[in-house]
Amino acid sequence: MKRKIFAWMLALLFVCGLVKVPVEAASEQIRKTTYEGNGEVDVDFNGRVQYKNVKVTVKAPDGTKLKAVVTDKDSDDLDFKVTGLEPNTKYTYTISGVRFNKSGSFMKVSGTFKTPKTELAIRKVKYDREDKELEIEFFSRVQFKNVKVTLIDENGGSKKLKVLEKDRDELEVRAGTLKRGHTYTIQVQGVRQYKKGSYTTVTKSFTVK
């Protein structure tokens, strides 16, 4: 009987906001963190959130704080931009001033993200089965010169793909029919970071869903 009364009282305190959820528990409310290049980070929450004086703090492995600014936010995700990131490094961030499902106190949630070895890299390859096209996204703004795209299958077979569209940080190419569940490697030749370095070749493997 005493246990039931205690549990009821604890639940009432949570509803009234008198008991705060620890950061560790709140961190479970983060569904995914994605480093998108150029210092930009996207945080997807599990469920809907509200904000109050929201701020982001980013720390390097040695504890150094980096400047971070919230660039966009809505009911289920938040974007921020960080200055001074180093390549191939894991960072910890804390977002303060958020709450979930319109209940309880505004709290802090924490997560991590890692920067790539170089910003001149392919972030994501997405296959559009209906149009039989591939969308190739880069971590940073890039430039192209005599660009060529090659698709390599699991057996080492390769074919050149037709470039349909070029943008500041992505390519769209005609891929044809790709097999679901199979892994391919995409190779982009003739690309460099915007106004930086020489034109080179980058590759990335992906699995068709």
Protein backbone atom coordinates (compact mmCIF):
# COMPACT_ATOMS: atom_id res chain seq x y z
CA MET A 1 0.00 0.00 0.00
CA LYS A 2 2.85 2.38 0.92
CA ARG A 3 4.53 1.67 -2.43
CA LYS A 4 1.35 2.56 -4.32
CA ILE A 5 1.01 5.83 -2.39
CA PHE A 6 4.67 6.69 -3.08
CA ALA A 7 4.32 5.96 -6.79
CA TRP A 8 1.16 8.08 -6.96
CA MET A 9 2.88 10.99 -5.22
CA LEU A 10 5.93 10.74 -7.51
CA ALA A 11 3.73 10.77 -10.60
CA LEU A 12 1.92 13.84 -9.28
CA LEU A 13 5.24 15.64 -8.77
CA PHE A 14 6.26 14.90 -12.37
CA VAL A 15 2.96 16.28 -13.66
CA CYS A 16 3.40 19.43 -11.60
CA GLY A 17 6.93 19.85 -12.88
CA LEU A 18 8.48 19.64 -9.39
CA VAL A 19 10.72 16.74 -10.33
CA LYS A 20 13.12 17.40 -13.21
CA VAL A 21 14.07 14.76 -15.74
CA PRO A 22 17.88 14.28 -15.71
CA VAL A 23 19.85 15.09 -18.84
CA GLU A 24 20.64 11.41 -19.40
CA ALA A 25 16.94 10.50 -19.57
CA ALA A 26 16.12 13.54 -21.67
CA SER A 27 18.83 12.56 -24.15
CA GLU A 28 16.72 9.57 -25.11
CA GLN A 29 14.32 12.09 -26.64
CA ILE A 30 16.87 12.78 -29.40
CA ARG A 31 16.17 10.51 -32.37
CA LYS A 32 19.11 11.44 -34.60
CA THR A 33 21.93 13.95 -34.89
CA THR A 34 23.38 14.65 -38.34
CA TYR A 35 26.45 16.69 -39.19
CA GLU A 36 25.58 18.28 -42.55
CA GLY A 37 28.85 20.04 -43.36
CA ASN A 38 30.02 23.66 -43.17
CA GLY A 39 29.60 23.55 -39.38
CA GLU A 40 25.86 22.83 -39.63
CA VAL A 41 24.21 20.24 -37.37
CA ASP A 42 20.63 18.93 -37.52
CA VAL A 43 18.98 17.43 -34.42
CA ASP A 44 15.79 15.37 -34.80
CA PHE A 45 13.70 14.86 -31.65
CA ASN A 46 11.48 11.93 -30.72
CA GLY A 47 8.09 13.63 -30.66
CA ARG A 48 7.04 17.26 -30.53
CA VAL A 49 8.91 19.88 -28.51
CA GLN A 50 8.50 23.43 -27.28
CA TYR A 51 11.22 26.01 -26.68
CA LYS A 52 11.93 28.74 -24.13
CA ASN A 53 15.12 30.82 -24.37
CA VAL A 54 16.71 27.94 -26.25
CA LYS A 55 20.53 27.87 -26.42
CA VAL A 56 23.15 25.44 -27.72
CA THR A 57 26.54 24.74 -26.17
CA VAL A 58 29.19 22.72 -28.03
CA LYS A 59 32.32 21.29 -26.42
CA ALA A 60 35.45 19.80 -27.97
CA PRO A 61 37.00 16.63 -26.49
CA ASP A 62 39.32 18.74 -24.31
CA GLY A 63 36.39 20.68 -22.87
CA THR A 64 36.86 23.82 -24.96
CA LYS A 65 33.58 25.58 -25.75
CA LEU A 66 32.86 26.53 -29.36
CA LYS A 67 30.53 29.25 -30.60
CA ALA A 68 27.17 27.75 -31.65
CA VAL A 69 24.11 29.58 -32.99
CA VAL A 70 20.60 28.20 -33.50
CA THR A 71 19.75 28.70 -37.18
CA ASP A 72 16.33 27.06 -37.40
CA LYS A 73 13.85 25.20 -35.23
CA ASP A 74 10.39 23.69 -35.46
CA SER A 75 8.18 21.26 -33.56
CA ASP A 76 10.38 18.20 -34.04
CA ASP A 77 13.89 19.33 -34.98
CA LEU A 78 16.49 22.04 -34.44
CA ASP A 79 19.44 23.21 -36.55
CA PHE A 80 22.53 24.97 -35.28
CA LYS A 81 25.86 26.14 -36.74
CA VAL A 82 29.23 25.81 -35.02
CA THR A 83 32.38 27.84 -35.60
CA GLY A 84 35.88 26.39 -35.21
CA LEU A 85 35.26 22.68 -35.82
CA GLU A 86 38.19 20.39 -36.56
CA PRO A 87 38.04 17.43 -38.97
CA ASN A 88 37.62 13.85 -37.74
CA THR A 89 36.61 14.96 -34.23
CA LYS A 90 33.73 13.98 -31.95
CA TYR A 91 31.90 16.85 -30.25
CA THR A 92 29.33 17.00 -27.46
CA TYR A 93 26.43 19.44 -27.59
CA THR A 94 23.81 20.49 -25.04
CA ILE A 95 20.51 22.16 -25.93
CA SER A 96 18.85 24.03 -23.07
CA GLY A 97 15.29 25.35 -22.95
CA VAL A 98 13.30 22.47 -24.46
CA ARG A 99 10.43 20.37 -23.19
CA PHE A 100 8.46 17.49 -24.64
CA ASN A 101 4.74 16.92 -25.22
CA LYS A 102 3.69 20.25 -23.65
CA SER A 103 4.31 18.98 -20.11
CA GLY A 104 6.92 19.27 -17.38
CA SER A 105 9.77 21.73 -17.06
CA PHE A 106 12.01 23.09 -19.78
CA MET A 107 15.23 21.09 -19.61
CA LYS A 108 18.60 20.29 -21.15
CA VAL A 109 19.26 17.50 -23.63
CA SER A 110 22.66 16.35 -24.84
CA GLY A 111 24.06 14.47 -27.80
CA THR A 112 27.16 14.04 -29.95
CA PHE A 113 28.23 14.41 -33.57
CA LYS A 114 31.45 13.69 -35.45
CA THR A 115 33.00 15.67 -38.26
CA PRO A 116 34.37 13.84 -41.33
CA LYS A 117 38.08 13.48 -42.08
CA THR A 118 37.58 16.11 -44.78
CA GLU A 119 34.72 18.34 -45.82
CA LEU A 120 35.36 17.23 -49.39
CA ALA A 121 33.36 14.04 -49.02
CA ILE A 122 30.00 12.60 -50.00
CA ARG A 123 27.56 12.87 -47.10
CA LYS A 124 24.70 10.82 -48.46
CA VAL A 125 23.57 8.94 -51.58
CA LYS A 126 19.80 8.58 -52.06
CA TYR A 127 18.15 6.37 -54.68
CA ASP A 128 14.84 7.43 -56.23
CA ARG A 129 13.35 4.13 -57.39
CA GLU A 130 10.51 5.75 -59.33
CA ASP A 131 12.75 8.02 -61.41
CA LYS A 132 15.75 5.63 -61.31
CA GLU A 133 18.00 8.50 -60.25
CA LEU A 134 20.65 9.02 -57.59
CA GLU A 135 20.97 12.17 -55.51
CA ILE A 136 24.56 12.64 -54.29
CA GLU A 137 24.95 15.13 -51.42
CA PHE A 138 28.31 16.57 -50.32
CA PHE A 139 29.33 17.81 -46.86
CA SER A 140 30.28 21.24 -48.17
CA ARG A 141 29.87 23.57 -51.11
CA VAL A 142 31.79 22.18 -54.10
CA GLN A 143 32.88 22.98 -57.64
CA PHE A 144 32.93 20.64 -60.63
CA LYS A 145 35.25 20.43 -63.65
CA ASN A 146 34.70 17.81 -66.37
CA VAL A 147 32.79 15.85 -63.76
CA LYS A 148 32.33 12.12 -64.30
CA VAL A 149 30.26 9.74 -62.15
CA THR A 150 30.82 5.98 -62.02
CA LEU A 151 28.69 3.33 -60.31
CA ILE A 152 30.43 0.15 -59.11
CA ASP A 153 28.44 -2.94 -58.08
CA GLU A 154 29.28 -5.65 -55.54
CA ASN A 155 31.03 -7.75 -58.20
CA GLY A 156 33.31 -4.94 -59.31
CA GLY A 157 31.35 -4.16 -62.46
CA SER A 158 31.17 -0.47 -63.31
CA LYS A 159 29.24 1.89 -65.54
CA LYS A 160 29.32 5.61 -66.28
CA LEU A 161 26.25 7.55 -65.19
CA LYS A 162 24.72 10.55 -66.95
CA VAL A 163 24.78 13.76 -64.92
CA LEU A 164 21.32 15.33 -64.92
CA GLU A 165 21.81 18.30 -62.63
CA LYS A 166 24.62 20.01 -60.69
CA ASP A 167 24.13 22.20 -57.62
CA ARG A 168 26.41 23.90 -55.10
CA ASP A 169 26.47 20.82 -52.85
CA GLU A 170 24.88 17.96 -54.78
CA LEU A 171 24.59 16.03 -58.03
CA GLU A 172 21.69 14.20 -59.64
CA VAL A 173 22.51 11.34 -62.00
CA ARG A 174 20.64 8.72 -64.01
CA ALA A 175 21.31 5.33 -62.39
CA GLY A 176 18.87 2.90 -63.98
CA THR A 177 17.45 -0.01 -62.00
CA LEU A 178 19.34 -0.85 -58.79
CA LYS A 179 18.68 -3.97 -56.73
CA ARG A 180 17.13 -3.53 -53.30
CA GLY A 181 19.41 -4.62 -50.47
CA HIS A 182 22.55 -4.53 -52.63
CA THR A 183 25.55 -2.32 -51.87
CA TYR A 184 27.05 -0.07 -54.53
CA THR A 185 29.94 2.40 -54.64
CA ILE A 186 29.56 5.79 -56.24
CA GLN A 187 32.66 7.54 -57.61
CA VAL A 188 32.68 11.24 -58.51
CA GLN A 189 35.66 12.50 -60.51
CA GLY A 190 36.40 16.21 -61.08
CA VAL A 191 35.24 17.80 -57.81
CA ARG A 192 36.81 20.10 -55.21
CA GLN A 193 35.75 22.22 -52.25
CA TYR A 194 34.53 25.65 -53.33
CA LYS A 195 37.61 27.66 -54.37
CA LYS A 196 39.90 25.29 -52.43
CA GLY A 197 42.57 22.88 -53.62
CA SER A 198 42.76 20.71 -56.72
CA TYR A 199 40.01 18.78 -58.45
CA THR A 200 40.01 15.17 -57.30
CA THR A 201 37.92 11.99 -56.96
CA VAL A 202 35.68 11.06 -54.02
CA THR A 203 33.81 7.81 -53.37
CA LYS A 204 31.11 6.48 -51.09
CA SER A 205 29.36 3.13 -50.65
CA PHE A 206 25.61 2.90 -50.06
CA THR A 207 22.96 0.22 -49.76
CA VAL A 208 19.73 0.47 -51.76
CA LYS A 209 16.62 0.38 -49.58
